[in-house]
Amino acid sequence: MKTLSKVFRIIILSFLIALTAAGAGMLGAFLPNMRERYMDKVITIEQVDKKKEEKEDKEDESKN
């Protein structure tokens, strides 16, 4: 009975290791694509100071 439980533990352990390796392999296949997806993105951040100045300039022009 002890040998059967040891064999059963080893089988389960090896099965879990195989599942982990398969999961890591699938995860590794998807993650590199994430980096490539965002490589060509242009940064579109506006500074609030410039936007306020532009707004004030437009108001001044509309008043004149």
PDB file of N, CA and C in Angstrom:
ATOM      1  N   MET A   1       0.825  -1.203   0.000  1.00  0.00           N
ATOM      2  CA  MET A   1       0.000   0.000   0.000  1.00  0.00           C
ATOM      3  C   MET A   1       0.863   1.259   0.000  1.00  0.00           C
ATOM      4  N   LYS A   2       1.986   1.199   0.755  1.00  0.00           N
ATOM      5  CA  LYS A   2       2.867   2.363   0.793  1.00  0.00           C
ATOM      6  C   LYS A   2       3.509   2.611  -0.566  1.00  0.00           C
ATOM      7  N   THR A   3       3.904   1.547  -1.233  1.00  0.00           N
ATOM      8  CA  THR A   3       4.522   1.732  -2.551  1.00  0.00           C
ATOM      9  C   THR A   3       3.518   2.250  -3.560  1.00  0.00           C
ATOM     10  N   LEU A   4       2.277   1.801  -3.449  1.00  0.00           N
ATOM     11  CA  LEU A   4       1.235   2.287  -4.363  1.00  0.00           C
ATOM     12  C   LEU A   4       0.986   3.780  -4.157  1.00  0.00           C
ATOM     13  N   SER A   5       0.968   4.215  -2.900  1.00  0.00           N
ATOM     14  CA  SER A   5       0.745   5.644  -2.638  1.00  0.00           C
ATOM     15  C   SER A   5       1.940   6.474  -3.108  1.00  0.00           C
ATOM     16  N   LYS A   6       3.167   5.950  -2.971  1.00  0.00           N
ATOM     17  CA  LYS A   6       4.342   6.663  -3.462  1.00  0.00           C
ATOM     18  C   LYS A   6       4.304   6.792  -4.985  1.00  0.00           C
ATOM     19  N   VAL A   7       3.945   5.724  -5.658  1.00  0.00           N
ATOM     20  CA  VAL A   7       3.847   5.750  -7.122  1.00  0.00           C
ATOM     21  C   VAL A   7       2.760   6.732  -7.553  1.00  0.00           C
ATOM     22  N   PHE A   8       1.636   6.706  -6.842  1.00  0.00           N
ATOM     23  CA  PHE A   8       0.528   7.611  -7.151  1.00  0.00           C
ATOM     24  C   PHE A   8       0.958   9.066  -6.955  1.00  0.00           C
ATOM     25  N   ARG A   9       1.703   9.363  -5.889  1.00  0.00           N
ATOM     26  CA  ARG A   9       2.198  10.718  -5.648  1.00  0.00           C
ATOM     27  C   ARG A   9       3.139  11.168  -6.751  1.00  0.00           C
ATOM     28  N   ILE A  10       4.020  10.283  -7.168  1.00  0.00           N
ATOM     29  CA  ILE A  10       4.975  10.624  -8.217  1.00  0.00           C
ATOM     30  C   ILE A  10       4.249  10.885  -9.539  1.00  0.00           C
ATOM     31  N   ILE A  11       3.239  10.085  -9.825  1.00  0.00           N
ATOM     32  CA  ILE A  11       2.465  10.295 -11.053  1.00  0.00           C
ATOM     33  C   ILE A  11       1.743  11.636 -11.012  1.00  0.00           C
ATOM     34  N   ILE A  12       1.125  11.941  -9.897  1.00  0.00           N
ATOM     35  CA  ILE A  12       0.406  13.223  -9.765  1.00  0.00           C
ATOM     36  C   ILE A  12       1.387  14.388  -9.835  1.00  0.00           C
ATOM     37  N   LEU A  13       2.533  14.252  -9.179  1.00  0.00           N
ATOM     38  CA  LEU A  13       3.527  15.323  -9.212  1.00  0.00           C
ATOM     39  C   LEU A  13       4.038  15.560 -10.629  1.00  0.00           C
ATOM     40  N   SER A  14       4.315  14.497 -11.342  1.00  0.00           N
ATOM     41  CA  SER A  14       4.799  14.657 -12.711  1.00  0.00           C
ATOM     42  C   SER A  14       3.712  15.248 -13.608  1.00  0.00           C
ATOM     43  N   PHE A  15       2.452  14.888 -13.361  1.00  0.00           N
ATOM     44  CA  PHE A  15       1.340  15.462 -14.131  1.00  0.00           C
ATOM     45  C   PHE A  15       1.217  16.961 -13.862  1.00  0.00           C
ATOM     46  N   LEU A  16       1.346  17.358 -12.609  1.00  0.00           N
ATOM     47  CA  LEU A  16       1.268  18.780 -12.270  1.00  0.00           C
ATOM     48  C   LEU A  16       2.445  19.558 -12.880  1.00  0.00           C
ATOM     49  N   ILE A  17       3.621  18.964 -12.882  1.00  0.00           N
ATOM     50  CA  ILE A  17       4.779  19.627 -13.489  1.00  0.00           C
ATOM     51  C   ILE A  17       4.568  19.782 -14.990  1.00  0.00           C
ATOM     52  N   ALA A  18       4.000  18.768 -15.622  1.00  0.00           N
ATOM     53  CA  ALA A  18       3.727  18.848 -17.058  1.00  0.00           C
ATOM     54  C   ALA A  18       2.687  19.935 -17.346  1.00  0.00           C
ATOM     55  N   LEU A  19       1.661  20.029 -16.515  1.00  0.00           N
ATOM     56  CA  LEU A  19       0.652  21.091 -16.700  1.00  0.00           C
ATOM     57  C   LEU A  19       1.266  22.470 -16.521  1.00  0.00           C
ATOM     58  N   THR A  20       2.136  22.604 -15.548  1.00  0.00           N
ATOM     59  CA  THR A  20       2.796  23.897 -15.318  1.00  0.00           C
ATOM     60  C   THR A  20       3.673  24.278 -16.498  1.00  0.00           C
ATOM     61  N   ALA A  21       4.414  23.313 -17.020  1.00  0.00           N
ATOM     62  CA  ALA A  21       5.284  23.594 -18.167  1.00  0.00           C
ATOM     63  C   ALA A  21       4.453  23.977 -19.390  1.00  0.00           C
ATOM     64  N   ALA A  22       3.336  23.312 -19.581  1.00  0.00           N
ATOM     65  CA  ALA A  22       2.469  23.638 -20.718  1.00  0.00           C
ATOM     66  C   ALA A  22       1.873  25.034 -20.548  1.00  0.00           C
ATOM     67  N   GLY A  23       1.462  25.373 -19.342  1.00  0.00           N
ATOM     68  CA  GLY A  23       0.905  26.701 -19.077  1.00  0.00           C
ATOM     69  C   GLY A  23       1.939  27.788 -19.288  1.00  0.00           C
ATOM     70  N   ALA A  24       3.162  27.554 -18.842  1.00  0.00           N
ATOM     71  CA  ALA A  24       4.230  28.543 -19.037  1.00  0.00           C
ATOM     72  C   ALA A  24       4.549  28.679 -20.521  1.00  0.00           C
ATOM     73  N   GLY A  25       4.485  27.599 -21.257  1.00  0.00           N
ATOM     74  CA  GLY A  25       4.741  27.654 -22.692  1.00  0.00           C
ATOM     75  C   GLY A  25       3.672  28.443 -23.419  1.00  0.00           C
ATOM     76  N   MET A  26       2.417  28.254 -23.037  1.00  0.00           N
ATOM     77  CA  MET A  26       1.338  29.004 -23.686  1.00  0.00           C
ATOM     78  C   MET A  26       1.420  30.468 -23.320  1.00  0.00           C
ATOM     79  N   LEU A  27       1.744  30.759 -22.079  1.00  0.00           N
ATOM     80  CA  LEU A  27       1.846  32.147 -21.643  1.00  0.00           C
ATOM     81  C   LEU A  27       3.004  32.839 -22.351  1.00  0.00           C
ATOM     82  N   GLY A  28       4.087  32.133 -22.538  1.00  0.00           N
ATOM     83  CA  GLY A  28       5.236  32.702 -23.236  1.00  0.00           C
ATOM     84  C   GLY A  28       4.942  32.984 -24.692  1.00  0.00           C
ATOM     85  N   ALA A  29       4.007  32.258 -25.268  1.00  0.00           N
ATOM     86  CA  ALA A  29       3.667  32.475 -26.666  1.00  0.00           C
ATOM     87  C   ALA A  29       2.823  33.733 -26.848  1.00  0.00           C
ATOM     88  N   PHE A  30       2.079  34.126 -25.830  1.00  0.00           N
ATOM     89  CA  PHE A  30       1.191  35.283 -25.958  1.00  0.00           C
ATOM     90  C   PHE A  30       1.835  36.587 -25.488  1.00  0.00           C
ATOM     91  N   LEU A  31       2.710  36.548 -24.520  1.00  0.00           N
ATOM     92  CA  LEU A  31       3.262  37.780 -23.966  1.00  0.00           C
ATOM     93  C   LEU A  31       4.131  38.574 -24.933  1.00  0.00           C
ATOM     94  N   PRO A  32       4.987  37.989 -25.743  1.00  0.00           N
ATOM     95  CA  PRO A  32       5.792  38.825 -26.645  1.00  0.00           C
ATOM     96  C   PRO A  32       4.949  39.651 -27.614  1.00  0.00           C
ATOM     97  N   ASN A  33       3.781  39.175 -27.974  1.00  0.00           N
ATOM     98  CA  ASN A  33       2.914  39.932 -28.878  1.00  0.00           C
ATOM     99  C   ASN A  33       2.410  41.208 -28.224  1.00  0.00           C
ATOM    100  N   MET A  34       2.272  41.212 -26.917  1.00  0.00           N
ATOM    101  CA  MET A  34       1.786  42.402 -26.227  1.00  0.00           C
ATOM    102  C   MET A  34       2.782  43.555 -26.389  1.00  0.00           C
ATOM    103  N   ARG A  35       4.048  43.263 -26.324  1.00  0.00           N
ATOM    104  CA  ARG A  35       5.055  44.310 -26.455  1.00  0.00           C
ATOM    105  C   ARG A  35       5.035  44.892 -27.856  1.00  0.00           C
ATOM    106  N   GLU A  36       4.908  44.059 -28.852  1.00  0.00           N
ATOM    107  CA  GLU A  36       4.909  44.524 -30.231  1.00  0.00           C
ATOM    108  C   GLU A  36       3.660  45.341 -30.551  1.00  0.00           C
ATOM    109  N   ARG A  37       2.592  45.077 -29.858  1.00  0.00           N
ATOM    110  CA  ARG A  37       1.342  45.787 -30.126  1.00  0.00           C
ATOM    111  C   ARG A  37       1.467  47.270 -29.794  1.00  0.00           C
ATOM    112  N   TYR A  38       2.236  47.601 -28.757  1.00  0.00           N
ATOM    113  CA  TYR A  38       2.318  48.983 -28.304  1.00  0.00           C
ATOM    114  C   TYR A  38       3.590  49.696 -28.745  1.00  0.00           C
ATOM    115  N   MET A  39       4.394  49.091 -29.604  1.00  0.00           N
ATOM    116  CA  MET A  39       5.655  49.709 -30.012  1.00  0.00           C
ATOM    117  C   MET A  39       5.447  50.937 -30.894  1.00  0.00           C
ATOM    118  N   ASP A  40       4.442  50.944 -31.751  1.00  0.00           N
ATOM    119  CA  ASP A  40       4.248  52.039 -32.703  1.00  0.00           C
ATOM    120  C   ASP A  40       3.245  53.080 -32.228  1.00  0.00           C
ATOM    121  N   LYS A  41       2.860  53.026 -30.992  1.00  0.00           N
ATOM    122  CA  LYS A  41       1.900  54.003 -30.479  1.00  0.00           C
ATOM    123  C   LYS A  41       2.572  55.361 -30.307  1.00  0.00           C
ATOM    124  N   VAL A  42       1.874  56.404 -30.691  1.00  0.00           N
ATOM    125  CA  VAL A  42       2.373  57.762 -30.541  1.00  0.00           C
ATOM    126  C   VAL A  42       1.860  58.308 -29.219  1.00  0.00           C
ATOM    127  N   ILE A  43       2.713  58.970 -28.491  1.00  0.00           N
ATOM    128  CA  ILE A  43       2.315  59.532 -27.206  1.00  0.00           C
ATOM    129  C   ILE A  43       1.464  60.765 -27.474  1.00  0.00           C
ATOM    130  N   THR A  44       0.274  60.769 -26.947  1.00  0.00           N
ATOM    131  CA  THR A  44      -0.651  61.881 -27.182  1.00  0.00           C
ATOM    132  C   THR A  44      -1.048  62.508 -25.850  1.00  0.00           C
ATOM    133  N   ILE A  45      -0.100  63.185 -25.238  1.00  0.00           N
ATOM    134  CA  ILE A  45      -0.357  63.837 -23.958  1.00  0.00           C
ATOM    135  C   ILE A  45      -0.263  65.342 -24.192  1.00  0.00           C
ATOM    136  N   GLU A  46      -1.259  66.071 -23.739  1.00  0.00           N
ATOM    137  CA  GLU A  46      -1.246  67.520 -23.885  1.00  0.00           C
ATOM    138  C   GLU A  46      -0.943  68.150 -22.536  1.00  0.00           C
ATOM    139  N   GLN A  47      -0.193  69.200 -22.568  1.00  0.00           N
ATOM    140  CA  GLN A  47       0.062  69.908 -21.325  1.00  0.00           C
ATOM    141  C   GLN A  47      -1.096  70.864 -21.062  1.00  0.00           C
ATOM    142  N   VAL A  48      -1.526  70.896 -19.826  1.00  0.00           N
ATOM    143  CA  VAL A  48      -2.675  71.722 -19.467  1.00  0.00           C
ATOM    144  C   VAL A  48      -2.340  73.195 -19.609  1.00  0.00           C
ATOM    145  N   ASP A  49      -1.088  73.583 -19.303  1.00  0.00           N
ATOM    146  CA  ASP A  49      -0.709  75.000 -19.401  1.00  0.00           C
ATOM    147  C   ASP A  49      -0.864  75.505 -20.831  1.00  0.00           C
ATOM    148  N   LYS A  50      -0.385  74.741 -21.774  1.00  0.00           N
ATOM    149  CA  LYS A  50      -0.486  75.164 -23.170  1.00  0.00           C
ATOM    150  C   LYS A  50      -1.940  75.241 -23.609  1.00  0.00           C
ATOM    151  N   LYS A  51      -2.731  74.308 -23.159  1.00  0.00           N
ATOM    152  CA  LYS A  51      -4.132  74.302 -23.550  1.00  0.00           C
ATOM    153  C   LYS A  51      -4.854  75.528 -22.987  1.00  0.00           C
ATOM    154  N   LYS A  52      -4.538  75.914 -21.749  1.00  0.00           N
ATOM    155  CA  LYS A  52      -5.155  77.099 -21.149  1.00  0.00           C
ATOM    156  C   LYS A  52      -4.729  78.362 -21.898  1.00  0.00           C
ATOM    157  N   GLU A  53      -3.450  78.431 -22.263  1.00  0.00           N
ATOM    158  CA  GLU A  53      -2.963  79.599 -22.998  1.00  0.00           C
ATOM    159  C   GLU A  53      -3.635  79.702 -24.359  1.00  0.00           C
ATOM    160  N   GLU A  54      -3.795  78.584 -25.029  1.00  0.00           N
ATOM    161  CA  GLU A  54      -4.465  78.585 -26.329  1.00  0.00           C
ATOM    162  C   GLU A  54      -5.916  79.034 -26.181  1.00  0.00           C
ATOM    163  N   LYS A  55      -6.558  78.578 -25.115  1.00  0.00           N
ATOM    164  CA  LYS A  55      -7.951  78.949 -24.877  1.00  0.00           C
ATOM    165  C   LYS A  55      -8.060  80.452 -24.633  1.00  0.00           C
ATOM    166  N   GLU A  56      -7.128  80.995 -23.838  1.00  0.00           N
ATOM    167  CA  GLU A  56      -7.137  82.428 -23.567  1.00  0.00           C
ATOM    168  C   GLU A  56      -6.857  83.229 -24.838  1.00  0.00           C
ATOM    169  N   ASP A  57      -5.949  82.742 -25.674  1.00  0.00           N
ATOM    170  CA  ASP A  57      -5.651  83.423 -26.933  1.00  0.00           C
ATOM    171  C   ASP A  57      -6.875  83.440 -27.841  1.00  0.00           C
ATOM    172  N   LYS A  58      -7.588  82.341 -27.902  1.00  0.00           N
ATOM    173  CA  LYS A  58      -8.777  82.272 -28.742  1.00  0.00           C
ATOM    174  C   LYS A  58      -9.857  83.221 -28.214  1.00  0.00           C
ATOM    175  N   GLU A  59      -9.982  83.320 -26.876  1.00  0.00           N
ATOM    176  CA  GLU A  59     -10.974  84.236 -26.307  1.00  0.00           C
ATOM    177  C   GLU A  59     -10.588  85.673 -26.607  1.00  0.00           C
ATOM    178  N   ASP A  60      -9.294  85.990 -26.521  1.00  0.00           N
ATOM    179  CA  ASP A  60      -8.836  87.352 -26.823  1.00  0.00           C
ATOM    180  C   ASP A  60      -9.092  87.701 -28.292  1.00  0.00           C
ATOM    181  N   GLU A  61      -8.849  86.736 -29.188  1.00  0.00           N
ATOM    182  CA  GLU A  61      -9.084  86.979 -30.603  1.00  0.00           C
ATOM    183  C   GLU A  61     -10.571  87.165 -30.909  1.00  0.00           C
ATOM    184  N   SER A  62     -11.404  86.428 -30.209  1.00  0.00           N
ATOM    185  CA  SER A  62     -12.835  86.555 -30.455  1.00  0.00           C
ATOM    186  C   SER A  62     -13.385  87.879 -29.908  1.00  0.00           C
ATOM    187  N   LYS A  63     -12.743  88.427 -28.888  1.00  0.00           N
ATOM    188  CA  LYS A  63     -13.178  89.701 -28.326  1.00  0.00           C
ATOM    189  C   LYS A  63     -12.807  90.866 -29.247  1.00  0.00           C
ATOM    190  N   ASN A  64     -11.699  90.723 -29.973  1.00  0.00           N
ATOM    191  CA  ASN A  64     -11.246  91.813 -30.848  1.00  0.00           C
ATOM    192  C   ASN A  64     -11.993  91.871 -32.095  1.00  0.00           C
TER     193      ASN A  64
END
